């Protein structure tokens, strides 16, 4: 996985809170060791604030940021996108006339993310990403990807880079947006995703129509 930037202030606040909590934990640990008259051997120092901070930071990065109570406190505003998504994709490559069914897989922690989009002929991997959570229109995931054709893809296909912007809809159940590829590839299109376990195809077809109407009006 790779890091991702954000417009949220939590990346500045949370480390300070974790550092303060680590100091408190180290102080409590020293008091407890003194109360039970335990003396650490010379080769093993008592747990320090830095050690507690490392543990707390790892726990928050991997697990605690998803916790409902942590979200209620406003310490984590990032949506949890770690799931398999079913995808409808239309592309300028074939004149937007064919719907391509592909698979999107997102792996995410509080500081890192990785986006994989798999088709019958290629695999795209994200290499840069940004999560916008303060946009009035809703949460947006913007990432740059590298597309690598599979061995049995057409000879005209080759490795290329592109950019995608996906916005979260329907209380986190749907991602929708656009992509474009650069240089000589120069294709673009629209992407609609829904969580694989939901399977509400009809519901999201209505959503696609609604999004399409909104684009025409704008």
N, C-alpha and C. Protein backbone atom coordinates (compact mmCIF):
# COMPACT_ATOMS: atom_id res chain seq x y z
N UNK A 1 0.84 -1.19 0.00
CA UNK A 1 0.00 0.00 0.00
C UNK A 1 0.89 1.25 0.00
N UNK A 2 0.30 2.39 -0.32
CA UNK A 2 1.01 3.66 -0.34
C UNK A 2 0.21 4.69 0.45
N UNK A 3 0.87 5.77 0.85
CA UNK A 3 0.21 6.81 1.61
C UNK A 3 -0.78 7.60 0.77
N UNK A 4 -1.71 8.27 1.44
CA UNK A 4 -2.63 9.16 0.73
C UNK A 4 -2.80 10.45 1.54
N UNK A 5 -2.91 11.55 0.82
CA UNK A 5 -3.09 12.85 1.46
C UNK A 5 -4.58 13.11 1.71
N UNK A 6 -4.87 14.15 2.47
CA UNK A 6 -6.25 14.45 2.80
C UNK A 6 -6.39 15.93 3.16
N UNK A 7 -7.60 16.45 3.08
CA UNK A 7 -7.89 17.81 3.52
C UNK A 7 -8.42 17.83 4.95
N UNK A 8 -8.44 16.69 5.61
CA UNK A 8 -8.93 16.61 6.99
C UNK A 8 -7.82 17.01 7.96
N UNK A 9 -8.19 17.67 9.06
CA UNK A 9 -7.23 18.11 10.06
C UNK A 9 -6.89 17.01 11.06
N UNK A 10 -7.51 15.85 10.96
CA UNK A 10 -7.30 14.79 11.94
C UNK A 10 -5.87 14.27 11.94
N UNK A 11 -5.18 14.34 10.78
CA UNK A 11 -3.80 13.86 10.72
C UNK A 11 -2.88 14.72 11.60
N UNK A 12 -3.28 15.94 11.93
CA UNK A 12 -2.48 16.78 12.83
C UNK A 12 -2.91 16.60 14.29
N UNK A 13 -4.19 16.38 14.52
CA UNK A 13 -4.72 16.29 15.87
C UNK A 13 -4.45 14.94 16.53
N UNK A 14 -4.73 13.86 15.81
CA UNK A 14 -4.64 12.52 16.40
C UNK A 14 -3.24 12.19 16.92
N UNK A 15 -2.15 12.46 16.18
CA UNK A 15 -0.82 12.16 16.74
C UNK A 15 -0.55 12.87 18.07
N UNK A 16 -1.03 14.09 18.23
CA UNK A 16 -0.85 14.81 19.49
C UNK A 16 -1.61 14.13 20.62
N UNK A 17 -2.83 13.68 20.33
CA UNK A 17 -3.62 12.98 21.34
C UNK A 17 -2.98 11.64 21.71
N UNK A 18 -2.47 10.93 20.71
CA UNK A 18 -1.82 9.66 20.98
C UNK A 18 -0.55 9.85 21.79
N UNK A 19 0.19 10.93 21.51
CA UNK A 19 1.41 11.21 22.27
C UNK A 19 1.07 11.51 23.74
N UNK A 20 0.01 12.30 23.96
CA UNK A 20 -0.41 12.59 25.33
C UNK A 20 -0.85 11.32 26.05
N UNK A 21 -1.60 10.47 25.36
CA UNK A 21 -2.05 9.22 25.95
C UNK A 21 -0.87 8.29 26.24
N UNK A 22 0.14 8.31 25.38
CA UNK A 22 1.33 7.48 25.59
C UNK A 22 2.08 7.92 26.85
N UNK A 23 2.17 9.22 27.08
CA UNK A 23 2.83 9.74 28.29
C UNK A 23 2.08 9.29 29.54
N UNK A 24 0.74 9.37 29.48
CA UNK A 24 -0.07 8.93 30.62
C UNK A 24 0.13 7.44 30.87
N UNK A 25 0.15 6.65 29.81
CA UNK A 25 0.32 5.19 29.97
C UNK A 25 1.70 4.87 30.56
N UNK A 26 2.73 5.57 30.11
CA UNK A 26 4.07 5.35 30.65
C UNK A 26 4.13 5.73 32.13
N UNK A 27 3.49 6.82 32.49
CA UNK A 27 3.46 7.24 33.91
C UNK A 27 2.73 6.22 34.76
N UNK A 28 1.57 5.74 34.30
CA UNK A 28 0.82 4.73 35.04
C UNK A 28 1.62 3.44 35.18
N UNK A 29 2.34 3.08 34.12
CA UNK A 29 3.15 1.85 34.16
C UNK A 29 4.26 1.97 35.20
N UNK A 30 4.91 3.14 35.25
CA UNK A 30 5.97 3.33 36.24
C UNK A 30 5.42 3.30 37.66
N UNK A 31 4.23 3.88 37.87
CA UNK A 31 3.61 3.86 39.19
C UNK A 31 3.24 2.44 39.59
N UNK A 32 2.73 1.67 38.63
CA UNK A 32 2.37 0.29 38.92
C UNK A 32 3.59 -0.55 39.28
N UNK A 33 4.68 -0.37 38.55
CA UNK A 33 5.90 -1.11 38.83
C UNK A 33 6.47 -0.73 40.20
N UNK A 34 6.33 0.54 40.56
CA UNK A 34 6.81 0.96 41.88
C UNK A 34 5.92 0.40 42.98
N UNK A 35 4.62 0.32 42.72
CA UNK A 35 3.69 -0.18 43.74
C UNK A 35 3.92 -1.66 44.05
N UNK A 36 4.29 -2.43 43.04
CA UNK A 36 4.51 -3.87 43.25
C UNK A 36 5.98 -4.16 43.50
N UNK A 37 6.78 -3.10 43.63
CA UNK A 37 8.21 -3.23 43.92
C UNK A 37 8.93 -4.08 42.87
N UNK A 38 8.58 -3.80 41.63
CA UNK A 38 9.22 -4.54 40.52
C UNK A 38 10.32 -3.68 39.92
N UNK A 39 11.50 -4.26 39.80
CA UNK A 39 12.63 -3.56 39.22
C UNK A 39 13.05 -4.29 37.95
N UNK A 40 13.00 -3.57 36.83
CA UNK A 40 13.37 -4.19 35.55
C UNK A 40 14.87 -4.45 35.52
N UNK A 41 15.29 -5.57 34.91
CA UNK A 41 16.73 -5.86 34.79
C UNK A 41 17.43 -4.79 33.94
N UNK A 42 18.75 -4.75 34.02
CA UNK A 42 19.51 -3.71 33.34
C UNK A 42 19.36 -3.74 31.83
N UNK A 43 19.08 -4.97 31.29
CA UNK A 43 18.96 -5.10 29.84
C UNK A 43 17.54 -4.83 29.34
N UNK A 44 16.63 -4.52 30.26
CA UNK A 44 15.24 -4.26 29.87
C UNK A 44 14.76 -3.01 30.59
N UNK A 45 14.67 -1.91 29.85
CA UNK A 45 14.16 -0.67 30.44
C UNK A 45 12.65 -0.77 30.64
N UNK A 46 12.16 0.04 31.53
CA UNK A 46 10.71 0.14 31.71
C UNK A 46 10.08 0.70 30.44
N UNK A 47 8.85 0.28 30.11
CA UNK A 47 8.19 0.80 28.89
C UNK A 47 8.18 2.32 28.87
N UNK A 48 8.68 2.88 27.79
CA UNK A 48 8.79 4.33 27.68
C UNK A 48 7.59 4.92 26.96
N UNK A 49 7.50 6.25 26.99
CA UNK A 49 6.43 6.94 26.27
C UNK A 49 6.52 6.65 24.78
N UNK A 50 7.74 6.58 24.26
CA UNK A 50 7.92 6.31 22.83
C UNK A 50 7.40 4.94 22.46
N UNK A 51 7.64 3.94 23.33
CA UNK A 51 7.15 2.59 23.05
C UNK A 51 5.62 2.56 23.06
N UNK A 52 5.02 3.22 24.05
CA UNK A 52 3.56 3.26 24.10
C UNK A 52 3.00 3.99 22.88
N UNK A 53 3.67 5.07 22.46
CA UNK A 53 3.19 5.80 21.29
C UNK A 53 3.24 4.92 20.04
N UNK A 54 4.30 4.14 19.89
CA UNK A 54 4.39 3.24 18.74
C UNK A 54 3.26 2.24 18.70
N UNK A 55 2.93 1.68 19.88
CA UNK A 55 1.84 0.70 19.95
C UNK A 55 0.50 1.36 19.65
N UNK A 56 0.24 2.51 20.28
CA UNK A 56 -1.04 3.20 20.08
C UNK A 56 -1.19 3.67 18.64
N UNK A 57 -0.12 4.18 18.06
CA UNK A 57 -0.19 4.66 16.68
C UNK A 57 -0.48 3.52 15.71
N UNK A 58 0.15 2.36 15.94
CA UNK A 58 -0.10 1.20 15.08
C UNK A 58 -1.53 0.71 15.22
N UNK A 59 -2.02 0.65 16.47
CA UNK A 59 -3.40 0.21 16.69
C UNK A 59 -4.40 1.15 16.02
N UNK A 60 -4.15 2.46 16.15
CA UNK A 60 -5.07 3.42 15.53
C UNK A 60 -5.03 3.32 14.02
N UNK A 61 -3.83 3.20 13.46
CA UNK A 61 -3.67 3.16 12.01
C UNK A 61 -4.33 1.93 11.40
N UNK A 62 -4.24 0.79 12.08
CA UNK A 62 -4.74 -0.46 11.51
C UNK A 62 -6.19 -0.76 11.88
N UNK A 63 -6.61 -0.36 13.08
CA UNK A 63 -7.92 -0.81 13.56
C UNK A 63 -8.80 0.29 14.14
N UNK A 64 -8.26 1.08 15.09
CA UNK A 64 -9.11 1.97 15.88
C UNK A 64 -9.79 3.05 15.05
N UNK A 65 -9.20 3.47 13.92
CA UNK A 65 -9.81 4.53 13.11
C UNK A 65 -11.17 4.12 12.56
N UNK A 66 -11.44 2.81 12.49
CA UNK A 66 -12.73 2.32 12.01
C UNK A 66 -13.77 2.25 13.12
N UNK A 67 -13.34 2.37 14.39
CA UNK A 67 -14.23 2.19 15.52
C UNK A 67 -15.33 3.26 15.56
N UNK A 68 -16.54 2.83 15.87
CA UNK A 68 -17.68 3.75 15.87
C UNK A 68 -17.52 4.85 16.91
N UNK A 69 -17.00 4.51 18.09
CA UNK A 69 -16.82 5.51 19.14
C UNK A 69 -15.80 6.56 18.72
N UNK A 70 -14.71 6.12 18.08
CA UNK A 70 -13.68 7.04 17.58
C UNK A 70 -14.29 7.99 16.56
N UNK A 71 -15.17 7.47 15.72
CA UNK A 71 -15.81 8.32 14.71
C UNK A 71 -16.79 9.31 15.36
N UNK A 72 -17.46 8.86 16.42
CA UNK A 72 -18.38 9.76 17.12
C UNK A 72 -17.62 10.94 17.74
N UNK A 73 -16.39 10.71 18.18
CA UNK A 73 -15.57 11.77 18.75
C UNK A 73 -14.99 12.69 17.67
N UNK A 74 -15.15 12.31 16.40
CA UNK A 74 -14.63 13.12 15.30
C UNK A 74 -13.15 12.95 15.06
N UNK A 75 -12.56 11.87 15.60
CA UNK A 75 -11.13 11.65 15.42
C UNK A 75 -10.81 10.99 14.10
N UNK A 76 -11.81 10.41 13.45
CA UNK A 76 -11.60 9.79 12.14
C UNK A 76 -12.81 10.07 11.27
N UNK A 77 -12.58 10.74 10.15
CA UNK A 77 -13.66 11.08 9.23
C UNK A 77 -13.56 10.30 7.92
N UNK A 78 -12.51 9.50 7.78
CA UNK A 78 -12.34 8.75 6.54
C UNK A 78 -13.36 7.61 6.46
N UNK A 79 -14.03 7.44 5.33
CA UNK A 79 -14.90 6.26 5.17
C UNK A 79 -14.04 5.01 5.02
N UNK A 80 -14.55 3.91 5.51
CA UNK A 80 -13.85 2.63 5.37
C UNK A 80 -14.22 2.02 4.03
N UNK A 81 -13.30 2.08 3.08
CA UNK A 81 -13.55 1.59 1.72
C UNK A 81 -12.97 0.20 1.49
N UNK A 82 -12.49 -0.44 2.54
CA UNK A 82 -11.85 -1.75 2.40
C UNK A 82 -12.91 -2.82 2.14
N UNK A 83 -13.17 -3.05 0.88
CA UNK A 83 -14.17 -4.04 0.49
C UNK A 83 -14.03 -4.28 -1.01
N UNK A 84 -14.62 -5.36 -1.49
CA UNK A 84 -14.68 -5.60 -2.94
C UNK A 84 -15.90 -4.88 -3.51
N UNK A 85 -15.70 -4.20 -4.64
CA UNK A 85 -16.76 -3.44 -5.28
C UNK A 85 -17.02 -4.02 -6.67
N UNK A 86 -18.28 -4.19 -7.01
CA UNK A 86 -18.67 -4.52 -8.38
C UNK A 86 -18.79 -3.23 -9.18
N UNK A 87 -18.32 -3.25 -10.43
CA UNK A 87 -18.15 -2.01 -11.18
C UNK A 87 -18.81 -2.09 -12.54
N UNK A 88 -19.54 -1.03 -12.90
CA UNK A 88 -19.97 -0.78 -14.27
C UNK A 88 -19.04 0.29 -14.83
N UNK A 89 -18.47 0.04 -15.99
CA UNK A 89 -17.55 0.99 -16.59
C UNK A 89 -17.90 1.17 -18.06
N UNK A 90 -17.99 2.43 -18.50
CA UNK A 90 -18.16 2.73 -19.92
C UNK A 90 -16.99 3.59 -20.35
N UNK A 91 -16.50 3.37 -21.58
CA UNK A 91 -15.27 4.00 -22.02
C UNK A 91 -15.40 4.61 -23.41
N UNK A 92 -14.62 5.64 -23.65
CA UNK A 92 -14.56 6.24 -24.99
C UNK A 92 -13.85 5.31 -25.97
N UNK A 93 -13.17 4.28 -25.46
CA UNK A 93 -12.46 3.34 -26.33
C UNK A 93 -13.40 2.67 -27.32
N UNK A 94 -14.64 2.38 -26.86
CA UNK A 94 -15.62 1.77 -27.76
C UNK A 94 -16.84 2.67 -27.93
N UNK A 95 -16.64 3.97 -27.76
CA UNK A 95 -17.72 4.93 -28.00
C UNK A 95 -18.79 4.94 -26.93
N UNK A 96 -18.50 4.49 -25.73
CA UNK A 96 -19.44 4.47 -24.60
C UNK A 96 -20.67 3.60 -24.87
N UNK A 97 -20.57 2.66 -25.79
CA UNK A 97 -21.75 1.86 -26.14
C UNK A 97 -21.80 0.54 -25.39
N UNK A 98 -20.71 0.13 -24.79
CA UNK A 98 -20.66 -1.16 -24.11
C UNK A 98 -20.38 -0.97 -22.63
N UNK A 99 -21.14 -1.69 -21.82
CA UNK A 99 -20.92 -1.66 -20.38
C UNK A 99 -19.96 -2.77 -19.99
N UNK A 100 -18.86 -2.42 -19.35
CA UNK A 100 -17.86 -3.39 -18.93
C UNK A 100 -18.05 -3.69 -17.45
N UNK A 101 -18.18 -4.95 -17.10
CA UNK A 101 -18.29 -5.37 -15.71
C UNK A 101 -16.90 -5.74 -15.21
N UNK A 102 -16.39 -4.99 -14.25
CA UNK A 102 -15.04 -5.22 -13.73
C UNK A 102 -15.11 -5.30 -12.20
N UNK A 103 -13.97 -5.53 -11.58
CA UNK A 103 -13.90 -5.69 -10.12
C UNK A 103 -12.94 -4.67 -9.54
N UNK A 104 -13.38 -3.97 -8.50
CA UNK A 104 -12.55 -3.00 -7.80
C UNK A 104 -12.29 -3.51 -6.39
N UNK A 105 -11.04 -3.55 -5.99
CA UNK A 105 -10.65 -3.98 -4.65
C UNK A 105 -9.85 -2.86 -3.99
N UNK A 106 -10.28 -2.45 -2.80
CA UNK A 106 -9.60 -1.38 -2.08
C UNK A 106 -9.10 -1.91 -0.74
N UNK A 107 -7.82 -1.67 -0.47
CA UNK A 107 -7.23 -1.97 0.83
C UNK A 107 -6.87 -0.64 1.47
N UNK A 108 -7.21 -0.48 2.75
CA UNK A 108 -7.07 0.84 3.36
C UNK A 108 -6.75 0.75 4.84
N UNK A 109 -5.87 1.62 5.30
CA UNK A 109 -5.67 1.89 6.71
C UNK A 109 -5.87 3.39 6.91
N UNK A 110 -5.55 3.90 8.09
CA UNK A 110 -5.75 5.33 8.34
C UNK A 110 -4.77 6.19 7.55
N UNK A 111 -3.60 5.65 7.22
CA UNK A 111 -2.58 6.43 6.54
C UNK A 111 -2.23 5.90 5.15
N UNK A 112 -2.67 4.69 4.81
CA UNK A 112 -2.30 4.09 3.54
C UNK A 112 -3.51 3.51 2.82
N UNK A 113 -3.37 3.40 1.51
CA UNK A 113 -4.46 2.86 0.70
C UNK A 113 -3.88 2.23 -0.56
N UNK A 114 -4.62 1.30 -1.13
CA UNK A 114 -4.24 0.70 -2.40
C UNK A 114 -5.52 0.33 -3.15
N UNK A 115 -5.60 0.75 -4.40
CA UNK A 115 -6.80 0.53 -5.22
C UNK A 115 -6.42 -0.33 -6.41
N UNK A 116 -7.10 -1.47 -6.55
CA UNK A 116 -6.87 -2.38 -7.68
C UNK A 116 -8.17 -2.50 -8.49
N UNK A 117 -8.05 -2.28 -9.79
CA UNK A 117 -9.19 -2.46 -10.69
C UNK A 117 -8.80 -3.52 -11.71
N UNK A 118 -9.57 -4.61 -11.74
CA UNK A 118 -9.24 -5.77 -12.57
C UNK A 118 -10.28 -5.95 -13.66
N UNK A 119 -9.82 -6.02 -14.90
CA UNK A 119 -10.68 -6.33 -16.04
C UNK A 119 -10.23 -7.66 -16.66
N UNK A 120 -10.86 -8.03 -17.75
CA UNK A 120 -10.50 -9.27 -18.42
C UNK A 120 -9.14 -9.18 -19.08
N UNK A 121 -8.65 -7.96 -19.33
CA UNK A 121 -7.41 -7.81 -20.10
C UNK A 121 -6.30 -7.05 -19.37
N UNK A 122 -6.60 -6.44 -18.20
CA UNK A 122 -5.57 -5.63 -17.55
C UNK A 122 -5.84 -5.50 -16.05
N UNK A 123 -4.83 -5.03 -15.33
CA UNK A 123 -4.93 -4.73 -13.91
C UNK A 123 -4.39 -3.32 -13.68
N UNK A 124 -5.16 -2.49 -12.99
CA UNK A 124 -4.73 -1.15 -12.64
C UNK A 124 -4.42 -1.09 -11.16
N UNK A 125 -3.29 -0.47 -10.81
CA UNK A 125 -2.89 -0.31 -9.41
C UNK A 125 -2.67 1.16 -9.13
N UNK A 126 -3.21 1.63 -8.03
CA UNK A 126 -3.01 3.04 -7.66
C UNK A 126 -1.57 3.26 -7.22
N UNK A 127 -1.06 4.46 -7.48
CA UNK A 127 0.29 4.81 -7.03
C UNK A 127 0.31 6.11 -6.24
N UNK A 128 -0.71 6.95 -6.39
CA UNK A 128 -0.89 8.17 -5.61
C UNK A 128 -2.38 8.31 -5.32
N UNK A 129 -2.72 8.91 -4.17
CA UNK A 129 -4.13 9.06 -3.84
C UNK A 129 -4.35 10.22 -2.89
N UNK A 130 -5.58 10.75 -2.93
CA UNK A 130 -6.01 11.80 -2.01
C UNK A 130 -7.45 11.52 -1.60
N UNK A 131 -7.75 11.73 -0.33
CA UNK A 131 -9.10 11.57 0.19
C UNK A 131 -9.62 12.93 0.62
N UNK A 132 -10.67 13.41 -0.05
CA UNK A 132 -11.28 14.69 0.30
C UNK A 132 -12.54 14.43 1.10
N UNK A 133 -12.56 14.89 2.36
CA UNK A 133 -13.71 14.64 3.23
C UNK A 133 -14.46 15.92 3.58
N UNK A 134 -13.92 17.07 3.20
CA UNK A 134 -14.55 18.35 3.54
C UNK A 134 -15.30 18.97 2.38
N UNK A 135 -15.35 18.29 1.26
CA UNK A 135 -16.05 18.81 0.08
C UNK A 135 -17.55 18.81 0.33
N UNK A 136 -18.25 19.93 0.09
CA UNK A 136 -19.70 19.98 0.30
C UNK A 136 -20.47 18.94 -0.52
N UNK A 137 -19.90 18.50 -1.64
CA UNK A 137 -20.59 17.52 -2.48
C UNK A 137 -20.41 16.09 -1.99
N UNK A 138 -19.59 15.90 -0.96
CA UNK A 138 -19.40 14.56 -0.42
C UNK A 138 -17.95 14.11 -0.50
N UNK A 139 -17.68 12.97 0.11
CA UNK A 139 -16.34 12.41 0.15
C UNK A 139 -15.90 12.01 -1.26
N UNK A 140 -14.65 12.32 -1.60
CA UNK A 140 -14.12 11.99 -2.92
C UNK A 140 -12.77 11.31 -2.77
N UNK A 141 -12.56 10.25 -3.57
CA UNK A 141 -11.28 9.57 -3.65
C UNK A 141 -10.68 9.86 -5.02
N UNK A 142 -9.53 10.50 -5.03
CA UNK A 142 -8.84 10.83 -6.28
C UNK A 142 -7.52 10.09 -6.29
N UNK A 143 -7.26 9.35 -7.34
CA UNK A 143 -6.00 8.59 -7.37
C UNK A 143 -5.44 8.48 -8.78
N UNK A 144 -4.13 8.36 -8.85
CA UNK A 144 -3.45 8.07 -10.11
C UNK A 144 -3.12 6.59 -10.14
N UNK A 145 -3.29 5.98 -11.29
CA UNK A 145 -3.08 4.54 -11.40
C UNK A 145 -2.12 4.20 -12.53
N UNK A 146 -1.57 3.00 -12.43
CA UNK A 146 -0.77 2.43 -13.50
C UNK A 146 -1.51 1.20 -14.02
N UNK A 147 -1.77 1.18 -15.29
CA UNK A 147 -2.49 0.06 -15.91
C UNK A 147 -1.50 -0.87 -16.61
N UNK A 148 -1.58 -2.14 -16.27
CA UNK A 148 -0.68 -3.14 -16.85
C UNK A 148 -1.50 -4.20 -17.59
N UNK A 149 -1.39 -4.30 -18.92
CA UNK A 149 -2.13 -5.33 -19.67
C UNK A 149 -1.67 -6.73 -19.28
N UNK A 150 -2.61 -7.68 -19.33
CA UNK A 150 -2.27 -9.07 -19.08
C UNK A 150 -1.65 -9.70 -20.33
N UNK A 151 -1.11 -10.89 -20.18
CA UNK A 151 -0.34 -11.50 -21.27
C UNK A 151 -1.17 -11.76 -22.52
N UNK A 152 -2.49 -12.00 -22.34
CA UNK A 152 -3.32 -12.32 -23.49
C UNK A 152 -4.12 -11.11 -23.99
N UNK A 153 -3.76 -9.90 -23.56
CA UNK A 153 -4.43 -8.70 -24.04
C UNK A 153 -4.05 -8.42 -25.49
N UNK A 154 -4.82 -7.54 -26.14
CA UNK A 154 -4.54 -7.18 -27.52
C UNK A 154 -3.18 -6.51 -27.63
N UNK A 155 -2.52 -6.69 -28.76
CA UNK A 155 -1.19 -6.11 -28.96
C UNK A 155 -1.21 -4.58 -28.91
N UNK A 156 -2.36 -4.00 -29.20
CA UNK A 156 -2.44 -2.54 -29.18
C UNK A 156 -2.44 -1.97 -27.76
N UNK A 157 -2.69 -2.82 -26.77
CA UNK A 157 -2.69 -2.37 -25.38
C UNK A 157 -1.27 -2.34 -24.83
N UNK A 158 -0.97 -1.36 -24.01
CA UNK A 158 0.35 -1.24 -23.41
C UNK A 158 0.21 -0.56 -22.06
N UNK A 159 1.25 -0.61 -21.26
CA UNK A 159 1.23 0.00 -19.95
C UNK A 159 1.05 1.51 -20.05
N UNK A 160 0.17 2.07 -19.21
CA UNK A 160 -0.04 3.51 -19.24
C UNK A 160 -0.50 3.98 -17.86
N UNK A 161 -0.49 5.30 -17.69
CA UNK A 161 -0.95 5.91 -16.45
C UNK A 161 -2.26 6.65 -16.69
N UNK A 162 -3.01 6.81 -15.62
CA UNK A 162 -4.27 7.54 -15.71
C UNK A 162 -4.69 8.07 -14.34
N UNK A 163 -5.81 8.77 -14.33
CA UNK A 163 -6.34 9.36 -13.10
C UNK A 163 -7.82 9.05 -12.99
N UNK A 164 -8.28 8.79 -11.77
CA UNK A 164 -9.69 8.54 -11.52
C UNK A 164 -10.15 9.37 -10.33
N UNK A 165 -11.39 9.82 -10.39
CA UNK A 165 -12.02 10.51 -9.26
C UNK A 165 -13.36 9.86 -8.98
N UNK A 166 -13.50 9.31 -7.79
CA UNK A 166 -14.71 8.60 -7.39
C UNK A 166 -15.31 9.30 -6.18
N UNK A 167 -16.62 9.54 -6.23
CA UNK A 167 -17.30 10.20 -5.12
C UNK A 167 -18.26 9.22 -4.44
N UNK A 168 -18.35 9.31 -3.12
CA UNK A 168 -19.16 8.39 -2.34
C UNK A 168 -20.62 8.84 -2.34
N UNK A 169 -21.54 7.90 -2.62
CA UNK A 169 -22.97 8.17 -2.64
C UNK A 169 -23.70 7.17 -1.75
N UNK A 170 -24.96 7.47 -1.52
CA UNK A 170 -25.89 6.52 -0.90
C UNK A 170 -25.35 5.96 0.42
N UNK A 171 -24.94 6.86 1.31
CA UNK A 171 -24.47 6.49 2.64
C UNK A 171 -23.32 5.48 2.59
N UNK A 172 -22.43 5.69 1.66
CA UNK A 172 -21.23 4.86 1.58
C UNK A 172 -21.38 3.55 0.84
N UNK A 173 -22.53 3.32 0.22
CA UNK A 173 -22.76 2.06 -0.47
C UNK A 173 -22.38 2.11 -1.95
N UNK A 174 -22.13 3.30 -2.48
CA UNK A 174 -21.86 3.42 -3.91
C UNK A 174 -20.74 4.44 -4.15
N UNK A 175 -19.86 4.11 -5.09
CA UNK A 175 -18.84 5.03 -5.58
C UNK A 175 -19.12 5.31 -7.05
N UNK A 176 -19.04 6.54 -7.45
CA UNK A 176 -19.29 6.89 -8.85
C UNK A 176 -18.37 8.04 -9.25
N UNK A 177 -17.91 8.01 -10.49
CA UNK A 177 -17.05 9.08 -10.95
C UNK A 177 -16.53 8.85 -12.35
N UNK A 178 -15.39 9.44 -12.65
CA UNK A 178 -14.83 9.40 -14.00
C UNK A 178 -13.36 9.05 -13.95
N UNK A 179 -12.85 8.63 -15.10
CA UNK A 179 -11.42 8.36 -15.22
C UNK A 179 -10.94 8.85 -16.58
N UNK A 180 -9.64 9.07 -16.69
CA UNK A 180 -9.04 9.32 -18.00
C UNK A 180 -7.61 8.83 -17.96
N UNK A 181 -7.14 8.38 -19.09
CA UNK A 181 -5.76 7.90 -19.21
C UNK A 181 -4.95 8.89 -20.04
N UNK A 182 -3.66 8.97 -19.76
CA UNK A 182 -2.84 9.99 -20.38
C UNK A 182 -2.05 9.50 -21.58
N UNK A 183 -1.25 10.42 -22.10
CA UNK A 183 -0.37 10.20 -23.24
C UNK A 183 -1.12 9.68 -24.45
N UNK A 184 -0.53 8.70 -25.15
CA UNK A 184 -1.14 8.28 -26.41
C UNK A 184 -2.38 7.43 -26.22
N UNK A 185 -2.65 6.95 -25.00
CA UNK A 185 -3.87 6.15 -24.78
C UNK A 185 -5.11 7.03 -24.93
N UNK A 186 -5.15 8.10 -24.17
CA UNK A 186 -6.16 9.15 -24.29
C UNK A 186 -7.60 8.63 -24.32
N UNK A 187 -7.92 7.75 -23.42
CA UNK A 187 -9.31 7.29 -23.27
C UNK A 187 -9.88 7.86 -21.98
N UNK A 188 -11.19 7.91 -21.90
CA UNK A 188 -11.86 8.41 -20.70
C UNK A 188 -13.20 7.72 -20.60
N UNK A 189 -13.80 7.81 -19.43
CA UNK A 189 -15.08 7.15 -19.24
C UNK A 189 -15.63 7.39 -17.85
N UNK A 190 -16.69 6.67 -17.55
CA UNK A 190 -17.37 6.79 -16.26
C UNK A 190 -17.34 5.45 -15.54
N UNK A 191 -17.30 5.53 -14.20
CA UNK A 191 -17.23 4.34 -13.36
C UNK A 191 -18.32 4.43 -12.30
N UNK A 192 -19.06 3.33 -12.09
CA UNK A 192 -20.02 3.23 -11.02
C UNK A 192 -19.76 1.93 -10.27
N UNK A 193 -19.67 2.01 -8.96
CA UNK A 193 -19.32 0.86 -8.14
C UNK A 193 -20.34 0.69 -7.01
N UNK A 194 -20.62 -0.54 -6.63
CA UNK A 194 -21.41 -0.80 -5.44
C UNK A 194 -20.79 -1.98 -4.71
N UNK A 195 -20.98 -2.00 -3.41
CA UNK A 195 -20.39 -3.04 -2.60
C UNK A 195 -20.88 -4.41 -3.04
N UNK A 196 -19.94 -5.31 -3.20
CA UNK A 196 -20.25 -6.61 -3.79
C UNK A 196 -21.28 -7.38 -2.99
N UNK A 197 -21.23 -7.28 -1.66
CA UNK A 197 -22.15 -8.07 -0.85
C UNK A 197 -23.58 -7.56 -0.89
N UNK A 198 -23.77 -6.33 -1.38
CA UNK A 198 -25.11 -5.78 -1.43
C UNK A 198 -25.94 -6.38 -2.57
N UNK A 199 -25.39 -6.33 -3.78
CA UNK A 199 -26.08 -6.91 -4.92
C UNK A 199 -27.34 -6.17 -5.33
N UNK A 200 -27.48 -4.90 -4.98
CA UNK A 200 -28.69 -4.14 -5.31
C UNK A 200 -28.55 -3.51 -6.69
N UNK A 201 -28.55 -4.32 -7.72
CA UNK A 201 -28.27 -3.83 -9.07
C UNK A 201 -29.33 -2.85 -9.53
N UNK A 202 -30.59 -3.17 -9.33
CA UNK A 202 -31.67 -2.31 -9.81
C UNK A 202 -31.60 -0.95 -9.13
N UNK A 203 -31.32 -0.96 -7.84
CA UNK A 203 -31.25 0.29 -7.09
C UNK A 203 -30.16 1.19 -7.66
N UNK A 204 -29.02 0.62 -8.00
CA UNK A 204 -27.94 1.45 -8.49
C UNK A 204 -28.09 1.80 -9.95
N UNK A 205 -28.86 1.06 -10.70
CA UNK A 205 -29.20 1.49 -12.05
C UNK A 205 -30.01 2.78 -11.99
N UNK A 206 -30.93 2.87 -11.03
CA UNK A 206 -31.68 4.12 -10.84
C UNK A 206 -30.73 5.24 -10.43
N UNK A 207 -29.74 4.91 -9.61
CA UNK A 207 -28.78 5.92 -9.19
C UNK A 207 -27.97 6.41 -10.38
N UNK A 208 -27.59 5.50 -11.27
CA UNK A 208 -26.83 5.90 -12.45
C UNK A 208 -27.65 6.85 -13.32
N UNK A 209 -28.92 6.55 -13.46
CA UNK A 209 -29.78 7.43 -14.25
C UNK A 209 -29.86 8.81 -13.60
N UNK A 210 -29.96 8.84 -12.27
CA UNK A 210 -30.06 10.10 -11.56
C UNK A 210 -28.77 10.91 -11.72
N UNK A 211 -27.62 10.25 -11.60
CA UNK A 211 -26.35 10.92 -11.78
C UNK A 211 -26.21 11.44 -13.20
N UNK A 212 -26.67 10.64 -14.18
CA UNK A 212 -26.60 11.05 -15.57
C UNK A 212 -27.43 12.29 -15.83
N UNK A 213 -28.64 12.33 -15.24
CA UNK A 213 -29.50 13.50 -15.42
C UNK A 213 -28.86 14.74 -14.79
N UNK A 214 -28.21 14.53 -13.63
CA UNK A 214 -27.57 15.65 -12.97
C UNK A 214 -26.44 16.21 -13.82
N UNK A 215 -25.69 15.33 -14.50
CA UNK A 215 -24.60 15.79 -15.36
C UNK A 215 -25.13 16.58 -16.54
N UNK A 216 -26.27 16.14 -17.11
CA UNK A 216 -26.83 16.84 -18.25
C UNK A 216 -27.30 18.24 -17.86
N UNK A 217 -27.92 18.33 -16.68
CA UNK A 217 -28.41 19.63 -16.22
C UNK A 217 -27.27 20.61 -16.00
N UNK A 218 -26.17 20.07 -15.38
CA UNK A 218 -25.02 20.94 -15.13
C UNK A 218 -24.26 21.29 -16.39
